[in-house]
Amino acid sequence: MKHAQDFTLPDQTGKERSLSEFRGKWVILYFYPKDQTPGCTVEACSFRDSNEALLAKDAVVVGISADTVKSHADFISKYDLPFTLLADTDKKVINMYKAWGKKLFGQEGILRKTFIINPQGEIVKEYPRVTPAEHATQILNDLATLQAA
């Protein structure tokens, strides 16, 4: 198991948040290309719709993109997202977690990538490619398996 590298980024309110502050909980850390685009909206809304079930499993969702704090605030407001979005405008954390690379038509950009981090801060599951619509359900199923182990 690989230890999740700590980082600090501003959330949708501008408050600095660190990964280490979630220690003791399961963290669903997901990287996504852009606020309010079709696939990213589907993925965020699937996490929103599964949020109660995730909270019941002592898991928190944290999303990261290169969008600004204001863009995240607008995205959360428009879709009533109940979780934290972090603004990585200089792409430091995106690169740290290797969530930048070649996309579908050869152009480079932020990859849709997710990590499940256990309460001890270790990455226990990585999703290098994600299907937005089914992703939250997949996470819930894998979380149940990981927690039962």
N, C-alpha and C. Protein backbone atom coordinates (compact mmCIF):
# COMPACT_ATOMS: atom_id res chain seq x y z
N MET A 1 0.84 -1.19 0.00
CA MET A 1 0.00 0.00 0.00
C MET A 1 0.88 1.25 0.00
N LYS A 2 0.44 2.20 -0.75
CA LYS A 2 1.20 3.44 -0.88
C LYS A 2 0.55 4.52 -0.01
N HIS A 3 1.38 5.27 0.68
CA HIS A 3 0.87 6.36 1.51
C HIS A 3 0.42 7.51 0.60
N ALA A 4 -0.74 8.08 0.88
CA ALA A 4 -1.25 9.22 0.10
C ALA A 4 -0.46 10.47 0.47
N GLN A 5 0.12 11.12 -0.53
CA GLN A 5 0.89 12.34 -0.27
C GLN A 5 -0.03 13.46 0.20
N ASP A 6 0.37 14.13 1.27
CA ASP A 6 -0.43 15.23 1.80
C ASP A 6 -0.27 16.47 0.91
N PHE A 7 -1.26 17.32 0.96
CA PHE A 7 -1.25 18.57 0.19
C PHE A 7 -2.22 19.53 0.85
N THR A 8 -2.13 20.80 0.49
CA THR A 8 -3.06 21.82 0.96
C THR A 8 -3.49 22.66 -0.24
N LEU A 9 -4.81 22.80 -0.38
CA LEU A 9 -5.40 23.58 -1.47
C LEU A 9 -6.62 24.34 -0.94
N PRO A 10 -7.01 25.43 -1.60
CA PRO A 10 -8.23 26.13 -1.18
C PRO A 10 -9.49 25.40 -1.64
N ASP A 11 -10.50 25.39 -0.75
CA ASP A 11 -11.78 24.78 -1.12
C ASP A 11 -12.68 25.82 -1.78
N GLN A 12 -13.94 25.46 -2.00
CA GLN A 12 -14.89 26.32 -2.70
C GLN A 12 -15.19 27.62 -1.95
N THR A 13 -14.81 27.71 -0.68
CA THR A 13 -15.03 28.94 0.09
C THR A 13 -13.74 29.76 0.19
N GLY A 14 -12.63 29.19 -0.33
CA GLY A 14 -11.34 29.86 -0.23
C GLY A 14 -10.53 29.41 0.98
N LYS A 15 -11.13 28.56 1.84
CA LYS A 15 -10.44 28.06 3.04
C LYS A 15 -9.42 27.01 2.63
N GLU A 16 -8.19 27.11 3.21
CA GLU A 16 -7.15 26.13 2.94
C GLU A 16 -7.50 24.80 3.60
N ARG A 17 -7.45 23.73 2.83
CA ARG A 17 -7.78 22.39 3.34
C ARG A 17 -6.64 21.44 3.00
N SER A 18 -6.31 20.56 3.94
CA SER A 18 -5.24 19.58 3.73
C SER A 18 -5.82 18.18 3.75
N LEU A 19 -5.22 17.29 2.98
CA LEU A 19 -5.66 15.90 2.98
C LEU A 19 -5.56 15.32 4.39
N SER A 20 -4.51 15.68 5.12
CA SER A 20 -4.28 15.11 6.45
C SER A 20 -5.42 15.42 7.44
N GLU A 21 -6.21 16.46 7.19
CA GLU A 21 -7.30 16.76 8.11
C GLU A 21 -8.42 15.71 8.05
N PHE A 22 -8.42 14.88 7.01
CA PHE A 22 -9.44 13.84 6.87
C PHE A 22 -8.96 12.49 7.43
N ARG A 23 -7.75 12.47 8.01
CA ARG A 23 -7.22 11.24 8.59
C ARG A 23 -8.23 10.69 9.59
N GLY A 24 -8.41 9.38 9.61
CA GLY A 24 -9.40 8.78 10.49
C GLY A 24 -10.70 8.47 9.76
N LYS A 25 -10.83 8.99 8.54
CA LYS A 25 -11.99 8.69 7.69
C LYS A 25 -11.50 8.06 6.39
N TRP A 26 -12.42 7.42 5.71
CA TRP A 26 -12.14 6.96 4.35
C TRP A 26 -12.31 8.17 3.45
N VAL A 27 -11.39 8.37 2.52
CA VAL A 27 -11.46 9.51 1.62
C VAL A 27 -11.59 9.02 0.18
N ILE A 28 -12.58 9.54 -0.51
CA ILE A 28 -12.74 9.29 -1.94
C ILE A 28 -12.18 10.56 -2.61
N LEU A 29 -10.93 10.46 -3.09
CA LEU A 29 -10.26 11.60 -3.69
C LEU A 29 -10.39 11.46 -5.20
N TYR A 30 -11.14 12.37 -5.81
CA TYR A 30 -11.32 12.23 -7.25
C TYR A 30 -10.89 13.48 -8.01
N PHE A 31 -10.23 13.23 -9.13
CA PHE A 31 -9.75 14.28 -10.02
C PHE A 31 -10.66 14.30 -11.24
N TYR A 32 -11.00 15.49 -11.69
CA TYR A 32 -11.90 15.61 -12.84
C TYR A 32 -11.50 16.83 -13.68
N PRO A 33 -11.80 16.78 -14.99
CA PRO A 33 -11.34 17.83 -15.90
C PRO A 33 -11.88 19.24 -15.65
N LYS A 34 -13.21 19.41 -15.53
CA LYS A 34 -13.73 20.78 -15.53
C LYS A 34 -15.13 20.87 -14.94
N ASP A 35 -15.34 21.88 -14.09
CA ASP A 35 -16.67 22.15 -13.53
C ASP A 35 -17.69 22.38 -14.64
N GLN A 36 -18.90 21.90 -14.41
CA GLN A 36 -20.06 22.16 -15.25
C GLN A 36 -19.92 21.71 -16.70
N THR A 37 -19.10 20.68 -16.93
CA THR A 37 -19.08 20.05 -18.25
C THR A 37 -19.90 18.77 -18.11
N PRO A 38 -20.41 18.22 -19.22
CA PRO A 38 -21.35 17.10 -19.12
C PRO A 38 -20.87 15.90 -18.27
N GLY A 39 -19.72 15.33 -18.59
CA GLY A 39 -19.25 14.16 -17.85
C GLY A 39 -18.95 14.47 -16.39
N CYS A 40 -18.36 15.62 -16.15
CA CYS A 40 -17.99 16.01 -14.78
C CYS A 40 -19.24 16.28 -13.93
N THR A 41 -20.27 16.83 -14.56
CA THR A 41 -21.52 17.08 -13.84
C THR A 41 -22.19 15.75 -13.49
N VAL A 42 -22.21 14.81 -14.43
CA VAL A 42 -22.79 13.48 -14.17
C VAL A 42 -22.06 12.81 -13.00
N GLU A 43 -20.72 12.88 -13.04
CA GLU A 43 -19.92 12.25 -11.98
C GLU A 43 -20.18 12.91 -10.62
N ALA A 44 -20.16 14.24 -10.58
CA ALA A 44 -20.39 14.96 -9.33
C ALA A 44 -21.79 14.68 -8.78
N CYS A 45 -22.79 14.64 -9.66
CA CYS A 45 -24.16 14.38 -9.21
C CYS A 45 -24.32 12.94 -8.73
N SER A 46 -23.56 12.01 -9.32
CA SER A 46 -23.64 10.62 -8.83
C SER A 46 -23.04 10.53 -7.43
N PHE A 47 -21.96 11.28 -7.17
CA PHE A 47 -21.41 11.34 -5.81
C PHE A 47 -22.40 12.02 -4.86
N ARG A 48 -23.03 13.08 -5.34
CA ARG A 48 -24.05 13.77 -4.53
C ARG A 48 -25.16 12.81 -4.14
N ASP A 49 -25.66 12.06 -5.12
CA ASP A 49 -26.78 11.16 -4.88
C ASP A 49 -26.39 9.97 -3.99
N SER A 50 -25.11 9.66 -3.91
CA SER A 50 -24.62 8.57 -3.07
C SER A 50 -24.02 9.07 -1.76
N ASN A 51 -24.09 10.38 -1.52
CA ASN A 51 -23.39 10.97 -0.38
C ASN A 51 -23.84 10.40 0.96
N GLU A 52 -25.14 10.22 1.15
CA GLU A 52 -25.64 9.67 2.43
C GLU A 52 -25.07 8.27 2.67
N ALA A 53 -25.07 7.45 1.63
CA ALA A 53 -24.53 6.08 1.75
C ALA A 53 -23.04 6.11 2.04
N LEU A 54 -22.32 7.05 1.42
CA LEU A 54 -20.88 7.18 1.66
C LEU A 54 -20.62 7.65 3.09
N LEU A 55 -21.37 8.64 3.55
CA LEU A 55 -21.21 9.12 4.92
C LEU A 55 -21.49 8.00 5.93
N ALA A 56 -22.47 7.15 5.61
CA ALA A 56 -22.80 6.02 6.49
C ALA A 56 -21.62 5.05 6.59
N LYS A 57 -20.75 5.05 5.58
CA LYS A 57 -19.56 4.19 5.59
C LYS A 57 -18.34 4.97 6.09
N ASP A 58 -18.58 6.12 6.72
CA ASP A 58 -17.51 6.96 7.26
C ASP A 58 -16.55 7.42 6.17
N ALA A 59 -17.11 7.72 4.99
CA ALA A 59 -16.30 8.16 3.85
C ALA A 59 -16.68 9.59 3.45
N VAL A 60 -15.66 10.37 3.07
CA VAL A 60 -15.89 11.72 2.58
C VAL A 60 -15.39 11.81 1.14
N VAL A 61 -16.08 12.61 0.35
CA VAL A 61 -15.70 12.83 -1.04
C VAL A 61 -14.97 14.17 -1.13
N VAL A 62 -13.83 14.16 -1.82
CA VAL A 62 -13.07 15.38 -2.07
C VAL A 62 -12.73 15.40 -3.56
N GLY A 63 -13.21 16.42 -4.26
CA GLY A 63 -12.94 16.54 -5.69
C GLY A 63 -11.88 17.59 -5.96
N ILE A 64 -11.06 17.36 -6.98
CA ILE A 64 -10.01 18.31 -7.35
C ILE A 64 -10.02 18.52 -8.85
N SER A 65 -9.99 19.80 -9.25
CA SER A 65 -9.77 20.15 -10.65
C SER A 65 -8.93 21.42 -10.66
N ALA A 66 -8.58 21.89 -11.84
CA ALA A 66 -7.79 23.11 -11.96
C ALA A 66 -8.66 24.36 -12.01
N ASP A 67 -9.96 24.19 -11.79
CA ASP A 67 -10.87 25.33 -11.79
C ASP A 67 -10.62 26.22 -10.57
N THR A 68 -11.13 27.44 -10.63
CA THR A 68 -10.94 28.41 -9.55
C THR A 68 -11.90 28.14 -8.38
N VAL A 69 -11.61 28.78 -7.26
CA VAL A 69 -12.48 28.72 -6.09
C VAL A 69 -13.90 29.16 -6.47
N LYS A 70 -14.02 30.26 -7.21
CA LYS A 70 -15.34 30.77 -7.61
C LYS A 70 -16.07 29.79 -8.52
N SER A 71 -15.35 29.18 -9.45
CA SER A 71 -15.96 28.19 -10.33
C SER A 71 -16.51 27.02 -9.50
N HIS A 72 -15.73 26.56 -8.52
CA HIS A 72 -16.19 25.47 -7.64
C HIS A 72 -17.43 25.90 -6.85
N ALA A 73 -17.42 27.11 -6.33
CA ALA A 73 -18.57 27.61 -5.55
C ALA A 73 -19.83 27.63 -6.42
N ASP A 74 -19.69 28.07 -7.67
CA ASP A 74 -20.83 28.10 -8.60
C ASP A 74 -21.33 26.69 -8.91
N PHE A 75 -20.40 25.76 -9.13
CA PHE A 75 -20.73 24.36 -9.45
C PHE A 75 -21.49 23.72 -8.29
N ILE A 76 -21.00 23.93 -7.08
CA ILE A 76 -21.64 23.38 -5.88
C ILE A 76 -23.03 23.96 -5.70
N SER A 77 -23.14 25.26 -5.90
CA SER A 77 -24.43 25.94 -5.73
C SER A 77 -25.44 25.46 -6.76
N LYS A 78 -25.03 25.37 -8.01
CA LYS A 78 -25.94 24.98 -9.09
C LYS A 78 -26.47 23.55 -8.93
N TYR A 79 -25.59 22.63 -8.47
CA TYR A 79 -25.99 21.22 -8.41
C TYR A 79 -26.15 20.70 -6.98
N ASP A 80 -26.12 21.61 -5.99
CA ASP A 80 -26.33 21.24 -4.60
C ASP A 80 -25.38 20.10 -4.17
N LEU A 81 -24.09 20.29 -4.45
CA LEU A 81 -23.10 19.26 -4.13
C LEU A 81 -22.71 19.36 -2.65
N PRO A 82 -22.83 18.26 -1.90
CA PRO A 82 -22.61 18.31 -0.45
C PRO A 82 -21.18 17.97 -0.01
N PHE A 83 -20.23 18.07 -0.91
CA PHE A 83 -18.85 17.69 -0.57
C PHE A 83 -17.87 18.78 -0.98
N THR A 84 -16.63 18.60 -0.58
CA THR A 84 -15.57 19.58 -0.80
C THR A 84 -14.99 19.49 -2.20
N LEU A 85 -14.81 20.64 -2.84
CA LEU A 85 -14.07 20.72 -4.10
C LEU A 85 -12.86 21.62 -3.87
N LEU A 86 -11.70 21.15 -4.31
CA LEU A 86 -10.46 21.89 -4.11
C LEU A 86 -9.94 22.45 -5.44
N ALA A 87 -9.44 23.67 -5.37
CA ALA A 87 -8.94 24.38 -6.56
C ALA A 87 -7.43 24.20 -6.68
N ASP A 88 -7.01 23.45 -7.68
CA ASP A 88 -5.58 23.22 -7.94
C ASP A 88 -5.20 23.95 -9.22
N THR A 89 -5.28 25.29 -9.18
CA THR A 89 -5.10 26.08 -10.39
C THR A 89 -3.70 25.96 -11.00
N ASP A 90 -2.68 25.66 -10.19
CA ASP A 90 -1.34 25.48 -10.76
C ASP A 90 -1.03 24.00 -11.05
N LYS A 91 -2.02 23.14 -10.83
CA LYS A 91 -1.95 21.70 -11.16
C LYS A 91 -0.86 20.94 -10.40
N LYS A 92 -0.43 21.46 -9.26
CA LYS A 92 0.62 20.82 -8.48
C LYS A 92 0.17 19.45 -7.96
N VAL A 93 -1.02 19.40 -7.35
CA VAL A 93 -1.53 18.14 -6.79
C VAL A 93 -1.97 17.20 -7.93
N ILE A 94 -2.54 17.77 -8.97
CA ILE A 94 -2.94 16.98 -10.15
C ILE A 94 -1.72 16.22 -10.68
N ASN A 95 -0.60 16.90 -10.78
CA ASN A 95 0.64 16.24 -11.24
C ASN A 95 1.19 15.27 -10.20
N MET A 96 1.12 15.64 -8.92
CA MET A 96 1.59 14.79 -7.83
C MET A 96 0.90 13.42 -7.87
N TYR A 97 -0.40 13.42 -8.17
CA TYR A 97 -1.19 12.19 -8.22
C TYR A 97 -1.29 11.62 -9.64
N LYS A 98 -0.46 12.12 -10.53
CA LYS A 98 -0.41 11.65 -11.92
C LYS A 98 -1.79 11.64 -12.59
N ALA A 99 -2.53 12.71 -12.35
CA ALA A 99 -3.86 12.85 -12.94
C ALA A 99 -3.81 13.80 -14.15
N TRP A 100 -2.65 13.92 -14.75
CA TRP A 100 -2.48 14.71 -15.96
C TRP A 100 -1.88 13.79 -17.00
N GLY A 101 -2.39 13.82 -18.22
CA GLY A 101 -1.81 12.97 -19.25
C GLY A 101 -2.57 13.05 -20.55
N LYS A 102 -2.26 12.12 -21.44
CA LYS A 102 -2.90 12.06 -22.76
C LYS A 102 -4.34 11.60 -22.61
N LYS A 103 -5.22 12.33 -23.27
CA LYS A 103 -6.63 12.00 -23.25
C LYS A 103 -7.04 11.38 -24.58
N LEU A 104 -8.33 11.22 -24.74
CA LEU A 104 -8.91 10.52 -25.88
C LEU A 104 -8.30 10.85 -27.24
N PHE A 105 -8.32 12.07 -27.65
CA PHE A 105 -7.88 12.40 -29.01
C PHE A 105 -6.44 12.91 -29.04
N GLY A 106 -5.63 12.43 -28.07
CA GLY A 106 -4.22 12.76 -28.07
C GLY A 106 -3.83 14.05 -27.36
N GLN A 107 -4.82 14.89 -27.07
CA GLN A 107 -4.47 16.13 -26.35
C GLN A 107 -4.23 15.80 -24.88
N GLU A 108 -3.47 16.67 -24.20
CA GLU A 108 -3.19 16.46 -22.79
C GLU A 108 -4.19 17.21 -21.94
N GLY A 109 -4.43 16.69 -20.75
CA GLY A 109 -5.34 17.36 -19.84
C GLY A 109 -5.49 16.57 -18.55
N ILE A 110 -6.44 17.02 -17.73
CA ILE A 110 -6.70 16.34 -16.46
C ILE A 110 -7.46 15.05 -16.75
N LEU A 111 -6.94 13.96 -16.19
CA LEU A 111 -7.57 12.66 -16.35
C LEU A 111 -8.61 12.46 -15.25
N ARG A 112 -9.65 11.74 -15.59
CA ARG A 112 -10.67 11.38 -14.61
C ARG A 112 -10.10 10.19 -13.83
N LYS A 113 -9.68 10.45 -12.61
CA LYS A 113 -8.95 9.45 -11.82
C LYS A 113 -9.41 9.55 -10.37
N THR A 114 -9.57 8.40 -9.70
CA THR A 114 -10.05 8.39 -8.32
C THR A 114 -9.18 7.48 -7.47
N PHE A 115 -9.06 7.86 -6.20
CA PHE A 115 -8.32 7.06 -5.22
C PHE A 115 -9.21 6.86 -3.99
N ILE A 116 -9.19 5.64 -3.44
CA ILE A 116 -9.80 5.42 -2.13
C ILE A 116 -8.63 5.38 -1.15
N ILE A 117 -8.71 6.24 -0.13
CA ILE A 117 -7.66 6.34 0.88
C ILE A 117 -8.26 5.88 2.21
N ASN A 118 -7.58 4.96 2.88
CA ASN A 118 -8.12 4.42 4.13
C ASN A 118 -7.88 5.39 5.29
N PRO A 119 -8.47 5.12 6.47
CA PRO A 119 -8.33 6.04 7.61
C PRO A 119 -6.88 6.26 8.06
N GLN A 120 -5.98 5.36 7.70
CA GLN A 120 -4.56 5.52 8.06
C GLN A 120 -3.80 6.36 7.03
N GLY A 121 -4.48 6.78 5.96
CA GLY A 121 -3.84 7.63 4.97
C GLY A 121 -3.15 6.87 3.85
N GLU A 122 -3.52 5.59 3.67
CA GLU A 122 -2.92 4.78 2.60
C GLU A 122 -3.88 4.65 1.43
N ILE A 123 -3.33 4.70 0.22
CA ILE A 123 -4.14 4.49 -0.98
C ILE A 123 -4.39 2.98 -1.09
N VAL A 124 -5.66 2.59 -0.99
CA VAL A 124 -6.00 1.17 -1.04
C VAL A 124 -6.64 0.76 -2.35
N LYS A 125 -7.06 1.75 -3.14
CA LYS A 125 -7.62 1.45 -4.46
C LYS A 125 -7.44 2.66 -5.35
N GLU A 126 -7.08 2.39 -6.61
CA GLU A 126 -6.90 3.46 -7.58
C GLU A 126 -7.73 3.12 -8.82
N TYR A 127 -8.41 4.11 -9.35
CA TYR A 127 -9.19 3.95 -10.57
C TYR A 127 -8.55 4.85 -11.63
N PRO A 128 -7.74 4.26 -12.53
CA PRO A 128 -7.06 5.07 -13.53
C PRO A 128 -7.99 5.59 -14.62
N ARG A 129 -9.11 4.93 -14.84
CA ARG A 129 -10.10 5.36 -15.82
C ARG A 129 -11.47 5.23 -15.16
N VAL A 130 -12.32 6.21 -15.38
CA VAL A 130 -13.59 6.26 -14.68
C VAL A 130 -14.74 6.47 -15.66
N THR A 131 -15.84 5.74 -15.46
CA THR A 131 -17.09 5.98 -16.19
C THR A 131 -17.97 6.81 -15.26
N PRO A 132 -18.21 8.08 -15.59
CA PRO A 132 -18.89 8.99 -14.66
C PRO A 132 -20.20 8.49 -14.06
N ALA A 133 -21.09 7.94 -14.87
CA ALA A 133 -22.42 7.58 -14.37
C ALA A 133 -22.41 6.46 -13.33
N GLU A 134 -21.55 5.45 -13.51
CA GLU A 134 -21.56 4.31 -12.60
C GLU A 134 -20.52 4.42 -11.48
N HIS A 135 -19.72 5.46 -11.51
CA HIS A 135 -18.56 5.52 -10.62
C HIS A 135 -18.90 5.48 -9.13
N ALA A 136 -19.89 6.25 -8.69
CA ALA A 136 -20.22 6.28 -7.26
C ALA A 136 -20.68 4.91 -6.77
N THR A 137 -21.45 4.20 -7.60
CA THR A 137 -21.92 2.85 -7.23
C THR A 137 -20.74 1.90 -7.12
N GLN A 138 -19.80 2.00 -8.05
CA GLN A 138 -18.58 1.19 -8.04
C GLN A 138 -17.78 1.47 -6.75
N ILE A 139 -17.66 2.74 -6.39
CA ILE A 139 -16.95 3.14 -5.16
C ILE A 139 -17.63 2.52 -3.94
N LEU A 140 -18.95 2.64 -3.86
CA LEU A 140 -19.69 2.08 -2.71
C LEU A 140 -19.46 0.58 -2.58
N ASN A 141 -19.51 -0.13 -3.69
CA ASN A 141 -19.29 -1.58 -3.67
C ASN A 141 -17.87 -1.92 -3.23
N ASP A 142 -16.89 -1.22 -3.78
CA ASP A 142 -15.49 -1.47 -3.43
C ASP A 142 -15.21 -1.09 -1.98
N LEU A 143 -15.83 -0.02 -1.52
CA LEU A 143 -15.65 0.41 -0.13
C LEU A 143 -16.16 -0.65 0.82
N ALA A 144 -17.31 -1.23 0.50
CA ALA A 144 -17.88 -2.30 1.35
C ALA A 144 -16.90 -3.47 1.43
N THR A 145 -16.31 -3.84 0.30
CA THR A 145 -15.36 -4.95 0.25
C THR A 145 -14.11 -4.61 1.07
N LEU A 146 -13.57 -3.40 0.87
CA LEU A 146 -12.37 -2.97 1.59
C LEU A 146 -12.60 -2.90 3.09
N GLN A 147 -13.76 -2.42 3.49
CA GLN A 147 -14.04 -2.27 4.92
C GLN A 147 -14.29 -3.63 5.57
N ALA A 148 -14.78 -4.58 4.80
CA ALA A 148 -15.03 -5.91 5.34
C ALA A 148 -13.74 -6.72 5.51
N ALA A 149 -12.71 -6.35 4.74
CA ALA A 149 -11.46 -7.11 4.74
C ALA A 149 -10.72 -7.01 6.07
